[in-house]
Amino acid sequence: MKVFFFTLVTASLVHSRKQLEALLWVLVLSVGFYGVKGGIFTIVEGGAYRVYGPPGASAFADNGAIALASVVMIPLMFYLAGVVSSKWVKAGLLGAILLSGMTVLGSQSRGAFLAIMAITVFLWMKSRRKLIFGLALVALVSLGIGFMPDTWTARMETIRTYEQDGSAMGRLNAWWMLFNLANDRPLVGGGFEPYTPRQFSRYAPVPHDLHSSHSIYFQMLGEHGYVGLALFLCFGIVSWNMAGRLVKASRERSDSVWLGDLARAIQISFVGFAVGGAFFNMAYWEMVYYEAVILMAAYRLVGAGPKPNPAIT
């Protein structure tokens, strides 16, 4: 309730480009700080230790969660780097992008690695200079991976042999439990905390192997049933389509090019969240909902949304 309350408050306050970009800066600096910090730690330690997020009640305290948070931030950093006028700020943002990428690698999270590969492809697809940008991406990715130790490479290779990995099989066990739970309670699911010995003993293939959902999709399915999952997916589809309309509108208006760039950045961020989120239980993380708020504000700014009825106003 707290997450969605402040999301709605924010939606009521953002009415101009200045306010919209101020919100972007707050989000990028607050989350990006940990991406920069983790990247420095990875470089200093040679990738020998895992990167974790801020401890306590943070939504991204886990190594995989901080990695996914960094993935989501990288496209927004790219957007801000493209609109700032100061060379020093631009250089700082580009450095933050590189360090955030190192945080993803340093987390040793296989799901986040797949996510950053996904946004790398989409960044290339959305770029205007595909050859130069593609060569730069290949070089940076190769250098980053080459910097990591053999233990990191061995862990990433377990993606192909997940059947032999206890962590991966534990997630599959939790997914089966949530799937079976949703089939038993399709309309409402099992509530916000169904990860109990009682539920696992009733619905899981391996009753004693307790895990959290480790997936935004199974999290919604198990906790809120098929109705909750459908609403969650519809939210993502509507937000994606809104961004697509902004891109289209920006091509028709020379004063709205920045809105198209912003919409593309958020789309790429959504791709990272959709891919990486398949392996982390971060369905309630407020960042993606703030991105939807930014799209809503941008949608009204460009005039792409429905016009008010004069008879009513």
C-alpha atoms as a PDB file:
ATOM      1  CA  MET A   1       0.000   0.000   0.000  1.00  0.00           C
ATOM      2  CA  LYS A   2       2.857   2.357   0.780  1.00  0.00           C
ATOM      3  CA  VAL A   3       4.482   1.697  -2.601  1.00  0.00           C
ATOM      4  CA  PHE A   4       1.337   2.358  -4.592  1.00  0.00           C
ATOM      5  CA  PHE A   5       0.246   5.317  -2.464  1.00  0.00           C
ATOM      6  CA  PHE A   6       3.439   7.249  -3.186  1.00  0.00           C
ATOM      7  CA  THR A   7       3.319   6.193  -6.823  1.00  0.00           C
ATOM      8  CA  LEU A   8      -0.114   7.814  -7.099  1.00  0.00           C
ATOM      9  CA  VAL A   9       1.113  10.905  -5.233  1.00  0.00           C
ATOM     10  CA  THR A  10       3.983  11.199  -7.696  1.00  0.00           C
ATOM     11  CA  ALA A  11       1.623  10.796 -10.645  1.00  0.00           C
ATOM     12  CA  SER A  12      -0.384  13.767  -9.416  1.00  0.00           C
ATOM     13  CA  LEU A  13       2.716  15.993  -9.171  1.00  0.00           C
ATOM     14  CA  VAL A  14       4.526  15.439 -12.490  1.00  0.00           C
ATOM     15  CA  HIS A  15       3.190  17.853 -15.125  1.00  0.00           C
ATOM     16  CA  SER A  16       6.199  19.211 -17.051  1.00  0.00           C
ATOM     17  CA  ARG A  17       9.427  18.066 -18.658  1.00  0.00           C
ATOM     18  CA  LYS A  18      11.418  19.685 -15.845  1.00  0.00           C
ATOM     19  CA  GLN A  19       9.484  17.763 -13.193  1.00  0.00           C
ATOM     20  CA  LEU A  20       9.664  14.554 -15.225  1.00  0.00           C
ATOM     21  CA  GLU A  21      13.429  14.707 -15.608  1.00  0.00           C
ATOM     22  CA  ALA A  22      13.825  15.716 -11.949  1.00  0.00           C
ATOM     23  CA  LEU A  23      11.996  12.505 -11.014  1.00  0.00           C
ATOM     24  CA  LEU A  24      14.287  10.561 -13.340  1.00  0.00           C
ATOM     25  CA  TRP A  25      17.353  12.048 -11.649  1.00  0.00           C
ATOM     26  CA  VAL A  26      16.046  11.115  -8.206  1.00  0.00           C
ATOM     27  CA  LEU A  27      15.453   7.521  -9.303  1.00  0.00           C
ATOM     28  CA  VAL A  28      18.769   7.174 -11.116  1.00  0.00           C
ATOM     29  CA  LEU A  29      20.835   8.699  -8.316  1.00  0.00           C
ATOM     30  CA  SER A  30      19.135   6.813  -5.492  1.00  0.00           C
ATOM     31  CA  VAL A  31      19.424   3.378  -7.105  1.00  0.00           C
ATOM     32  CA  GLY A  32      22.420   4.083  -9.335  1.00  0.00           C
ATOM     33  CA  PHE A  33      24.536   4.946  -6.299  1.00  0.00           C
ATOM     34  CA  TYR A  34      24.568   1.278  -5.327  1.00  0.00           C
ATOM     35  CA  GLY A  35      25.325   0.252  -8.895  1.00  0.00           C
ATOM     36  CA  VAL A  36      28.386   2.530  -8.927  1.00  0.00           C
ATOM     37  CA  LYS A  37      29.451   1.354  -5.467  1.00  0.00           C
ATOM     38  CA  GLY A  38      29.093  -2.304  -6.452  1.00  0.00           C
ATOM     39  CA  GLY A  39      30.990  -1.788  -9.702  1.00  0.00           C
ATOM     40  CA  ILE A  40      33.927  -0.223  -7.871  1.00  0.00           C
ATOM     41  CA  PHE A  41      33.903  -3.112  -5.384  1.00  0.00           C
ATOM     42  CA  THR A  42      33.928  -5.657  -8.227  1.00  0.00           C
ATOM     43  CA  ILE A  43      36.903  -3.987  -9.934  1.00  0.00           C
ATOM     44  CA  VAL A  44      38.885  -3.547  -6.713  1.00  0.00           C
ATOM     45  CA  GLU A  45      38.312  -7.168  -5.639  1.00  0.00           C
ATOM     46  CA  GLY A  46      38.818  -8.607  -9.114  1.00  0.00           C
ATOM     47  CA  GLY A  47      35.318 -10.095  -9.142  1.00  0.00           C
ATOM     48  CA  ALA A  48      36.236 -12.571  -6.411  1.00  0.00           C
ATOM     49  CA  TYR A  49      33.288 -11.685  -4.166  1.00  0.00           C
ATOM     50  CA  ARG A  50      29.599 -11.196  -4.831  1.00  0.00           C
ATOM     51  CA  VAL A  51      28.010  -7.758  -4.794  1.00  0.00           C
ATOM     52  CA  TYR A  52      25.010  -7.259  -2.507  1.00  0.00           C
ATOM     53  CA  GLY A  53      22.611  -4.353  -2.148  1.00  0.00           C
ATOM     54  CA  PRO A  54      21.869  -2.287   0.964  1.00  0.00           C
ATOM     55  CA  PRO A  55      20.949  -4.566   3.887  1.00  0.00           C
ATOM     56  CA  GLY A  56      17.751  -4.467   5.862  1.00  0.00           C
ATOM     57  CA  ALA A  57      14.316  -3.904   4.398  1.00  0.00           C
ATOM     58  CA  SER A  58      15.582  -2.754   1.001  1.00  0.00           C
ATOM     59  CA  ALA A  59      13.828  -4.232  -2.033  1.00  0.00           C
ATOM     60  CA  PHE A  60      17.192  -4.996  -3.635  1.00  0.00           C
ATOM     61  CA  ALA A  61      19.342  -6.236  -0.754  1.00  0.00           C
ATOM     62  CA  ASP A  62      19.985  -9.611  -2.395  1.00  0.00           C
ATOM     63  CA  ASN A  63      22.809 -10.024  -4.933  1.00  0.00           C
ATOM     64  CA  GLY A  64      20.379 -10.837  -7.733  1.00  0.00           C
ATOM     65  CA  ALA A  65      18.066  -7.983  -6.797  1.00  0.00           C
ATOM     66  CA  ILE A  66      20.796  -5.315  -6.836  1.00  0.00           C
ATOM     67  CA  ALA A  67      21.916  -6.680 -10.202  1.00  0.00           C
ATOM     68  CA  LEU A  68      18.399  -6.443 -11.642  1.00  0.00           C
ATOM     69  CA  ALA A  69      18.021  -2.924 -10.195  1.00  0.00           C
ATOM     70  CA  SER A  70      21.235  -1.921 -11.975  1.00  0.00           C
ATOM     71  CA  VAL A  71      19.994  -3.437 -15.235  1.00  0.00           C
ATOM     72  CA  VAL A  72      16.770  -1.425 -15.014  1.00  0.00           C
ATOM     73  CA  MET A  73      18.728   1.798 -14.336  1.00  0.00           C
ATOM     74  CA  ILE A  74      21.198   1.532 -17.224  1.00  0.00           C
ATOM     75  CA  PRO A  75      18.768   2.587 -20.033  1.00  0.00           C
ATOM     76  CA  LEU A  76      17.594   5.578 -17.970  1.00  0.00           C
ATOM     77  CA  MET A  77      21.226   6.622 -17.484  1.00  0.00           C
ATOM     78  CA  PHE A  78      21.696   6.415 -21.253  1.00  0.00           C
ATOM     79  CA  TYR A  79      18.731   8.730 -21.758  1.00  0.00           C
ATOM     80  CA  LEU A  80      19.982  11.310 -19.254  1.00  0.00           C
ATOM     81  CA  ALA A  81      23.474  11.172 -20.765  1.00  0.00           C
ATOM     82  CA  GLY A  82      21.907  12.083 -24.102  1.00  0.00           C
ATOM     83  CA  VAL A  83      20.042  15.165 -22.867  1.00  0.00           C
ATOM     84  CA  VAL A  84      22.465  16.785 -20.385  1.00  0.00           C
ATOM     85  CA  SER A  85      24.578  19.658 -21.661  1.00  0.00           C
ATOM     86  CA  SER A  86      27.495  19.381 -19.236  1.00  0.00           C
ATOM     87  CA  LYS A  87      30.349  17.216 -20.531  1.00  0.00           C
ATOM     88  CA  TRP A  88      31.327  16.330 -16.963  1.00  0.00           C
ATOM     89  CA  VAL A  89      27.850  15.134 -16.067  1.00  0.00           C
ATOM     90  CA  LYS A  90      27.661  13.156 -19.305  1.00  0.00           C
ATOM     91  CA  ALA A  91      31.021  11.542 -18.550  1.00  0.00           C
ATOM     92  CA  GLY A  92      29.838  10.746 -15.022  1.00  0.00           C
ATOM     93  CA  LEU A  93      26.704   9.046 -16.330  1.00  0.00           C
ATOM     94  CA  LEU A  94      28.673   6.998 -18.853  1.00  0.00           C
ATOM     95  CA  GLY A  95      31.008   5.939 -16.052  1.00  0.00           C
ATOM     96  CA  ALA A  96      28.006   5.013 -13.915  1.00  0.00           C
ATOM     97  CA  ILE A  97      26.689   2.860 -16.781  1.00  0.00           C
ATOM     98  CA  LEU A  98      29.963   0.953 -16.998  1.00  0.00           C
ATOM     99  CA  LEU A  99      30.181   0.489 -13.231  1.00  0.00           C
ATOM    100  CA  SER A 100      26.543  -0.638 -13.056  1.00  0.00           C
ATOM    101  CA  GLY A 101      27.361  -3.237 -15.694  1.00  0.00           C
ATOM    102  CA  MET A 102      30.240  -4.436 -13.523  1.00  0.00           C
ATOM    103  CA  THR A 103      27.822  -4.676 -10.585  1.00  0.00           C
ATOM    104  CA  VAL A 104      25.655  -7.030 -12.643  1.00  0.00           C
ATOM    105  CA  LEU A 105      28.670  -9.211 -13.409  1.00  0.00           C
ATOM    106  CA  GLY A 106      29.973  -8.945  -9.842  1.00  0.00           C
ATOM    107  CA  SER A 107      26.656 -10.122  -8.399  1.00  0.00           C
ATOM    108  CA  GLN A 108      27.292 -13.497 -10.089  1.00  0.00           C
ATOM    109  CA  SER A 109      23.559 -13.654 -10.770  1.00  0.00           C
ATOM    110  CA  ARG A 110      22.673 -15.789 -13.769  1.00  0.00           C
ATOM    111  CA  GLY A 111      19.239 -14.221 -14.170  1.00  0.00           C
ATOM    112  CA  ALA A 112      20.675 -10.696 -14.152  1.00  0.00           C
ATOM    113  CA  PHE A 113      23.330 -11.765 -16.670  1.00  0.00           C
ATOM    114  CA  LEU A 114      20.565 -12.867 -19.048  1.00  0.00           C
ATOM    115  CA  ALA A 115      18.782  -9.565 -18.400  1.00  0.00           C
ATOM    116  CA  ILE A 116      21.803  -7.406 -19.227  1.00  0.00           C
ATOM    117  CA  MET A 117      22.381  -9.413 -22.389  1.00  0.00           C
ATOM    118  CA  ALA A 118      18.748  -8.738 -23.334  1.00  0.00           C
ATOM    119  CA  ILE A 119      18.993  -4.979 -22.809  1.00  0.00           C
ATOM    120  CA  THR A 120      22.329  -4.919 -24.667  1.00  0.00           C
ATOM    121  CA  VAL A 121      20.577  -6.332 -27.731  1.00  0.00           C
ATOM    122  CA  PHE A 122      17.686  -3.870 -27.393  1.00  0.00           C
ATOM    123  CA  LEU A 123      20.049  -0.932 -26.865  1.00  0.00           C
ATOM    124  CA  TRP A 124      21.703  -1.844 -30.132  1.00  0.00           C
ATOM    125  CA  MET A 125      18.337  -2.236 -31.895  1.00  0.00           C
ATOM    126  CA  LYS A 126      17.144   1.182 -30.667  1.00  0.00           C
ATOM    127  CA  SER A 127      20.408   3.021 -31.410  1.00  0.00           C
ATOM    128  CA  ARG A 128      20.715   5.319 -34.436  1.00  0.00           C
ATOM    129  CA  ARG A 129      24.337   4.365 -35.202  1.00  0.00           C
ATOM    130  CA  LYS A 130      24.110   0.606 -35.059  1.00  0.00           C
ATOM    131  CA  LEU A 131      27.581  -0.220 -36.422  1.00  0.00           C
ATOM    132  CA  ILE A 132      29.573   2.042 -34.087  1.00  0.00           C
ATOM    133  CA  PHE A 133      27.358   1.326 -31.094  1.00  0.00           C
ATOM    134  CA  GLY A 134      27.413  -2.411 -31.777  1.00  0.00           C
ATOM    135  CA  LEU A 135      31.205  -2.530 -31.959  1.00  0.00           C
ATOM    136  CA  ALA A 136      31.468  -0.539 -28.727  1.00  0.00           C
ATOM    137  CA  LEU A 137      29.028  -2.875 -26.966  1.00  0.00           C
ATOM    138  CA  VAL A 138      30.871  -5.995 -28.119  1.00  0.00           C
ATOM    139  CA  ALA A 139      34.168  -4.551 -26.917  1.00  0.00           C
ATOM    140  CA  LEU A 140      32.790  -3.499 -23.519  1.00  0.00           C
ATOM    141  CA  VAL A 141      30.972  -6.782 -22.897  1.00  0.00           C
ATOM    142  CA  SER A 142      34.054  -8.765 -23.879  1.00  0.00           C
ATOM    143  CA  LEU A 143      36.279  -6.708 -21.569  1.00  0.00           C
ATOM    144  CA  GLY A 144      33.832  -7.017 -18.679  1.00  0.00           C
ATOM    145  CA  ILE A 145      33.455 -10.781 -19.005  1.00  0.00           C
ATOM    146  CA  GLY A 146      37.185 -11.216 -19.559  1.00  0.00           C
ATOM    147  CA  PHE A 147      37.862  -9.348 -16.317  1.00  0.00           C
ATOM    148  CA  MET A 148      35.855 -11.818 -14.230  1.00  0.00           C
ATOM    149  CA  PRO A 149      37.572 -14.849 -12.622  1.00  0.00           C
ATOM    150  CA  ASP A 150      37.138 -18.484 -13.671  1.00  0.00           C
ATOM    151  CA  THR A 151      34.689 -19.087 -10.814  1.00  0.00           C
ATOM    152  CA  TRP A 152      32.312 -16.554 -12.401  1.00  0.00           C
ATOM    153  CA  THR A 153      32.545 -18.279 -15.786  1.00  0.00           C
ATOM    154  CA  ALA A 154      31.879 -21.647 -14.189  1.00  0.00           C
ATOM    155  CA  ARG A 155      28.770 -20.291 -12.472  1.00  0.00           C
ATOM    156  CA  MET A 156      27.381 -18.769 -15.682  1.00  0.00           C
ATOM    157  CA  GLU A 157      27.906 -22.069 -17.490  1.00  0.00           C
ATOM    158  CA  THR A 158      25.485 -23.735 -15.045  1.00  0.00           C
ATOM    159  CA  ILE A 159      22.690 -21.995 -16.987  1.00  0.00           C
ATOM    160  CA  ARG A 160      22.983 -24.848 -19.485  1.00  0.00           C
ATOM    161  CA  THR A 161      23.140 -27.539 -16.799  1.00  0.00           C
ATOM    162  CA  TYR A 162      20.504 -26.239 -14.392  1.00  0.00           C
ATOM    163  CA  GLU A 163      19.364 -29.805 -13.606  1.00  0.00           C
ATOM    164  CA  GLN A 164      22.594 -30.282 -11.634  1.00  0.00           C
ATOM    165  CA  ASP A 165      22.271 -27.037  -9.660  1.00  0.00           C
ATOM    166  CA  GLY A 166      20.530 -27.153  -6.282  1.00  0.00           C
ATOM    167  CA  SER A 167      19.512 -23.487  -6.369  1.00  0.00           C
ATOM    168  CA  ALA A 168      17.878 -23.812  -9.789  1.00  0.00           C
ATOM    169  CA  MET A 169      16.027 -26.972  -8.796  1.00  0.00           C
ATOM    170  CA  GLY A 170      14.840 -25.272  -5.597  1.00  0.00           C
ATOM    171  CA  ARG A 171      13.330 -22.492  -7.693  1.00  0.00           C
ATOM    172  CA  LEU A 172      11.592 -25.000  -9.919  1.00  0.00           C
ATOM    173  CA  ASN A 173      10.176 -26.649  -6.828  1.00  0.00           C
ATOM    174  CA  ALA A 174       8.821 -23.284  -5.630  1.00  0.00           C
ATOM    175  CA  TRP A 175       7.359 -22.545  -9.077  1.00  0.00           C
ATOM    176  CA  TRP A 176       5.519 -25.883  -9.089  1.00  0.00           C
ATOM    177  CA  MET A 177       4.198 -25.151  -5.611  1.00  0.00           C
ATOM    178  CA  LEU A 178       2.869 -21.739  -6.683  1.00  0.00           C
ATOM    179  CA  PHE A 179       1.409 -23.173  -9.884  1.00  0.00           C
ATOM    180  CA  ASN A 180      -0.419 -25.895  -7.983  1.00  0.00           C
ATOM    181  CA  LEU A 181      -1.570 -23.368  -5.392  1.00  0.00           C
ATOM    182  CA  ALA A 182      -2.977 -21.113  -8.121  1.00  0.00           C
ATOM    183  CA  ASN A 183      -4.799 -24.044  -9.684  1.00  0.00           C
ATOM    184  CA  ASP A 184      -6.401 -24.731  -6.303  1.00  0.00           C
ATOM    185  CA  ARG A 185      -7.253 -21.041  -5.712  1.00  0.00           C
ATOM    186  CA  PRO A 186      -7.362 -19.502  -9.234  1.00  0.00           C
ATOM    187  CA  LEU A 187      -9.179 -16.266  -8.372  1.00  0.00           C
ATOM    188  CA  VAL A 188      -7.306 -15.048  -5.285  1.00  0.00           C
ATOM    189  CA  GLY A 189      -4.192 -17.219  -4.917  1.00  0.00           C
ATOM    190  CA  GLY A 190      -2.538 -17.864  -1.581  1.00  0.00           C
ATOM    191  CA  GLY A 191      -1.983 -14.283  -0.382  1.00  0.00           C
ATOM    192  CA  PHE A 192       1.220 -12.315   0.093  1.00  0.00           C
ATOM    193  CA  GLU A 193       3.087 -14.934   2.162  1.00  0.00           C
ATOM    194  CA  PRO A 194       2.306 -18.449   0.946  1.00  0.00           C
ATOM    195  CA  TYR A 195       5.903 -19.698   1.393  1.00  0.00           C
ATOM    196  CA  THR A 196       5.231 -21.788   4.486  1.00  0.00           C
ATOM    197  CA  PRO A 197       5.948 -25.420   5.363  1.00  0.00           C
ATOM    198  CA  ARG A 198       2.215 -26.100   5.276  1.00  0.00           C
ATOM    199  CA  GLN A 199       1.815 -24.841   1.703  1.00  0.00           C
ATOM    200  CA  PHE A 200       4.942 -26.603   0.458  1.00  0.00           C
ATOM    201  CA  SER A 201       3.885 -29.872   2.054  1.00  0.00           C
ATOM    202  CA  ARG A 202       0.549 -29.573   0.298  1.00  0.00           C
ATOM    203  CA  TYR A 203       1.527 -28.318  -3.175  1.00  0.00           C
ATOM    204  CA  ALA A 204       5.284 -28.771  -3.803  1.00  0.00           C
ATOM    205  CA  PRO A 205       6.900 -31.823  -5.461  1.00  0.00           C
ATOM    206  CA  VAL A 206       9.637 -31.690  -2.769  1.00  0.00           C
ATOM    207  CA  PRO A 207       7.805 -30.624   0.412  1.00  0.00           C
ATOM    208  CA  HIS A 208      10.864 -29.959   2.583  1.00  0.00           C
ATOM    209  CA  ASP A 209      12.652 -27.688   0.042  1.00  0.00           C
ATOM    210  CA  LEU A 210      11.281 -24.223   0.909  1.00  0.00           C
ATOM    211  CA  HIS A 211      12.083 -21.213  -1.301  1.00  0.00           C
ATOM    212  CA  SER A 212      10.534 -17.874  -2.133  1.00  0.00           C
ATOM    213  CA  SER A 213       9.002 -17.400  -5.581  1.00  0.00           C
ATOM    214  CA  HIS A 214      12.183 -16.174  -7.342  1.00  0.00           C
ATOM    215  CA  SER A 215      10.023 -14.985 -10.240  1.00  0.00           C
ATOM    216  CA  ILE A 216       7.735 -11.992 -10.661  1.00  0.00           C
ATOM    217  CA  TYR A 217       5.394 -14.132 -12.773  1.00  0.00           C
ATOM    218  CA  PHE A 218       5.070 -17.076 -10.394  1.00  0.00           C
ATOM    219  CA  GLN A 219       4.989 -14.595  -7.508  1.00  0.00           C
ATOM    220  CA  MET A 220       1.865 -12.972  -8.925  1.00  0.00           C
ATOM    221  CA  LEU A 221       0.377 -16.298  -9.959  1.00  0.00           C
ATOM    222  CA  GLY A 222       0.817 -17.982  -6.588  1.00  0.00           C
ATOM    223  CA  GLU A 223       0.029 -14.996  -4.391  1.00  0.00           C
ATOM    224  CA  HIS A 224      -2.909 -13.565  -6.364  1.00  0.00           C
ATOM    225  CA  GLY A 225      -4.070 -16.321  -8.695  1.00  0.00           C
ATOM    226  CA  TYR A 226      -4.654 -16.109 -12.419  1.00  0.00           C
ATOM    227  CA  VAL A 227      -6.581 -12.847 -12.013  1.00  0.00           C
ATOM    228  CA  GLY A 228      -3.626 -11.157 -10.329  1.00  0.00           C
ATOM    229  CA  LEU A 229      -1.191 -12.461 -12.930  1.00  0.00           C
ATOM    230  CA  ALA A 230      -3.475 -11.249 -15.738  1.00  0.00           C
ATOM    231  CA  LEU A 231      -3.691  -7.759 -14.225  1.00  0.00           C
ATOM    232  CA  PHE A 232       0.097  -7.650 -13.780  1.00  0.00           C
ATOM    233  CA  LEU A 233       0.726  -8.664 -17.401  1.00  0.00           C
ATOM    234  CA  CYS A 234      -1.908  -6.220 -18.677  1.00  0.00           C
ATOM    235  CA  PHE A 235      -0.157  -3.436 -16.772  1.00  0.00           C
ATOM    236  CA  GLY A 236       3.086  -4.262 -18.566  1.00  0.00           C
ATOM    237  CA  ILE A 237       1.449  -4.523 -21.995  1.00  0.00           C
ATOM    238  CA  VAL A 238      -0.421  -1.228 -21.609  1.00  0.00           C
ATOM    239  CA  SER A 239       2.761   0.540 -20.448  1.00  0.00           C
ATOM    240  CA  TRP A 240       4.722  -0.891 -23.385  1.00  0.00           C
ATOM    241  CA  ASN A 241       2.046   0.230 -25.859  1.00  0.00           C
ATOM    242  CA  MET A 242       1.983   3.696 -24.306  1.00  0.00           C
ATOM    243  CA  ALA A 243       5.745   3.952 -24.842  1.00  0.00           C
ATOM    244  CA  GLY A 244       5.299   2.802 -28.443  1.00  0.00           C
ATOM    245  CA  ARG A 245       2.728   5.541 -29.071  1.00  0.00           C
ATOM    246  CA  LEU A 246       5.141   8.098 -27.644  1.00  0.00           C
ATOM    247  CA  VAL A 247       7.848   6.929 -30.030  1.00  0.00           C
ATOM    248  CA  LYS A 248       5.438   7.221 -32.948  1.00  0.00           C
ATOM    249  CA  ALA A 249       4.230  10.665 -31.853  1.00  0.00           C
ATOM    250  CA  SER A 250       7.815  11.920 -31.459  1.00  0.00           C
ATOM    251  CA  ARG A 251       8.508  11.147 -35.125  1.00  0.00           C
ATOM    252  CA  GLU A 252       5.667  13.432 -36.164  1.00  0.00           C
ATOM    253  CA  ARG A 253       6.696  16.400 -33.987  1.00  0.00           C
ATOM    254  CA  SER A 254      10.189  17.878 -34.064  1.00  0.00           C
ATOM    255  CA  ASP A 255       9.810  19.312 -30.553  1.00  0.00           C
ATOM    256  CA  SER A 256       9.097  15.881 -29.065  1.00  0.00           C
ATOM    257  CA  VAL A 257      12.202  13.938 -30.089  1.00  0.00           C
ATOM    258  CA  TRP A 258      13.302  13.742 -26.447  1.00  0.00           C
ATOM    259  CA  LEU A 259      10.046  12.038 -25.534  1.00  0.00           C
ATOM    260  CA  GLY A 260      10.706   9.322 -28.103  1.00  0.00           C
ATOM    261  CA  ASP A 261      14.185   8.777 -26.686  1.00  0.00           C
ATOM    262  CA  LEU A 262      12.750   8.574 -23.175  1.00  0.00           C
ATOM    263  CA  ALA A 263      10.060   6.100 -24.233  1.00  0.00           C
ATOM    264  CA  ARG A 264      12.668   3.875 -25.914  1.00  0.00           C
ATOM    265  CA  ALA A 265      14.815   3.956 -22.767  1.00  0.00           C
ATOM    266  CA  ILE A 266      11.880   2.896 -20.614  1.00  0.00           C
ATOM    267  CA  GLN A 267      10.982   0.138 -23.064  1.00  0.00           C
ATOM    268  CA  ILE A 268      14.521  -1.227 -22.806  1.00  0.00           C
ATOM    269  CA  SER A 269      14.297  -0.962 -19.023  1.00  0.00           C
ATOM    270  CA  PHE A 270      11.047  -2.947 -19.137  1.00  0.00           C
ATOM    271  CA  VAL A 271      12.782  -5.622 -21.227  1.00  0.00           C
ATOM    272  CA  GLY A 272      15.497  -5.981 -18.582  1.00  0.00           C
ATOM    273  CA  PHE A 273      12.892  -6.219 -15.826  1.00  0.00           C
ATOM    274  CA  ALA A 274      10.767  -8.720 -17.776  1.00  0.00           C
ATOM    275  CA  VAL A 275      13.738 -11.015 -18.496  1.00  0.00           C
ATOM    276  CA  GLY A 276      15.541 -10.692 -15.175  1.00  0.00           C
ATOM    277  CA  GLY A 277      12.304 -10.650 -13.214  1.00  0.00           C
ATOM    278  CA  ALA A 278      11.621 -14.192 -14.362  1.00  0.00           C
ATOM    279  CA  PHE A 279      14.204 -15.231 -11.740  1.00  0.00           C
ATOM    280  CA  PHE A 280      13.570 -12.749  -8.888  1.00  0.00           C
ATOM    281  CA  ASN A 281      10.580 -11.963  -6.683  1.00  0.00           C
ATOM    282  CA  MET A 282      10.489  -8.181  -7.255  1.00  0.00           C
ATOM    283  CA  ALA A 283       6.954  -7.763  -8.577  1.00  0.00           C
ATOM    284  CA  TYR A 284       6.233  -4.995  -6.035  1.00  0.00           C
ATOM    285  CA  TRP A 285       9.442  -3.045  -6.621  1.00  0.00           C
ATOM    286  CA  GLU A 286       8.293   0.539  -7.098  1.00  0.00           C
ATOM    287  CA  MET A 287      10.784   1.450  -9.846  1.00  0.00           C
ATOM    288  CA  VAL A 288       8.764  -0.051 -12.700  1.00  0.00           C
ATOM    289  CA  TYR A 289       5.618   1.661 -11.420  1.00  0.00           C
ATOM    290  CA  TYR A 290       7.431   5.013 -11.339  1.00  0.00           C
ATOM    291  CA  GLU A 291       8.492   4.369 -14.917  1.00  0.00           C
ATOM    292  CA  ALA A 292       4.824   3.881 -15.805  1.00  0.00           C
ATOM    293  CA  VAL A 293       4.063   7.213 -14.088  1.00  0.00           C
ATOM    294  CA  ILE A 294       6.773   8.870 -16.198  1.00  0.00           C
ATOM    295  CA  LEU A 295       5.205   7.416 -19.337  1.00  0.00           C
ATOM    296  CA  MET A 296       1.781   8.711 -18.282  1.00  0.00           C
ATOM    297  CA  ALA A 297       3.151  12.215 -17.729  1.00  0.00           C
ATOM    298  CA  ALA A 298       5.019  12.120 -21.039  1.00  0.00           C
ATOM    299  CA  TYR A 299       1.904  10.846 -22.794  1.00  0.00           C
ATOM    300  CA  ARG A 300      -0.032  13.904 -21.645  1.00  0.00           C
ATOM    301  CA  LEU A 301       2.825  16.276 -22.490  1.00  0.00           C
ATOM    302  CA  VAL A 302       3.003  15.198 -26.121  1.00  0.00           C
ATOM    303  CA  GLY A 303      -0.755  15.298 -26.474  1.00  0.00           C
ATOM    304  CA  ALA A 304      -0.898  11.655 -27.517  1.00  0.00           C
ATOM    305  CA  GLY A 305      -3.575  10.858 -24.986  1.00  0.00           C
ATOM    306  CA  PRO A 306      -7.297  11.489 -25.337  1.00  0.00           C
ATOM    307  CA  LYS A 307      -8.371  15.127 -25.501  1.00  0.00           C
ATOM    308  CA  PRO A 308     -10.631  16.459 -22.723  1.00  0.00           C
ATOM    309  CA  ASN A 309     -14.276  17.013 -23.595  1.00  0.00           C
ATOM    310  CA  PRO A 310     -14.941  20.787 -23.721  1.00  0.00           C
ATOM    311  CA  ALA A 311     -18.519  20.230 -22.605  1.00  0.00           C
ATOM    312  CA  ILE A 312     -17.257  18.634 -19.388  1.00  0.00           C
ATOM    313  CA  THR A 313     -14.346  20.988 -18.670  1.00  0.00           C
END
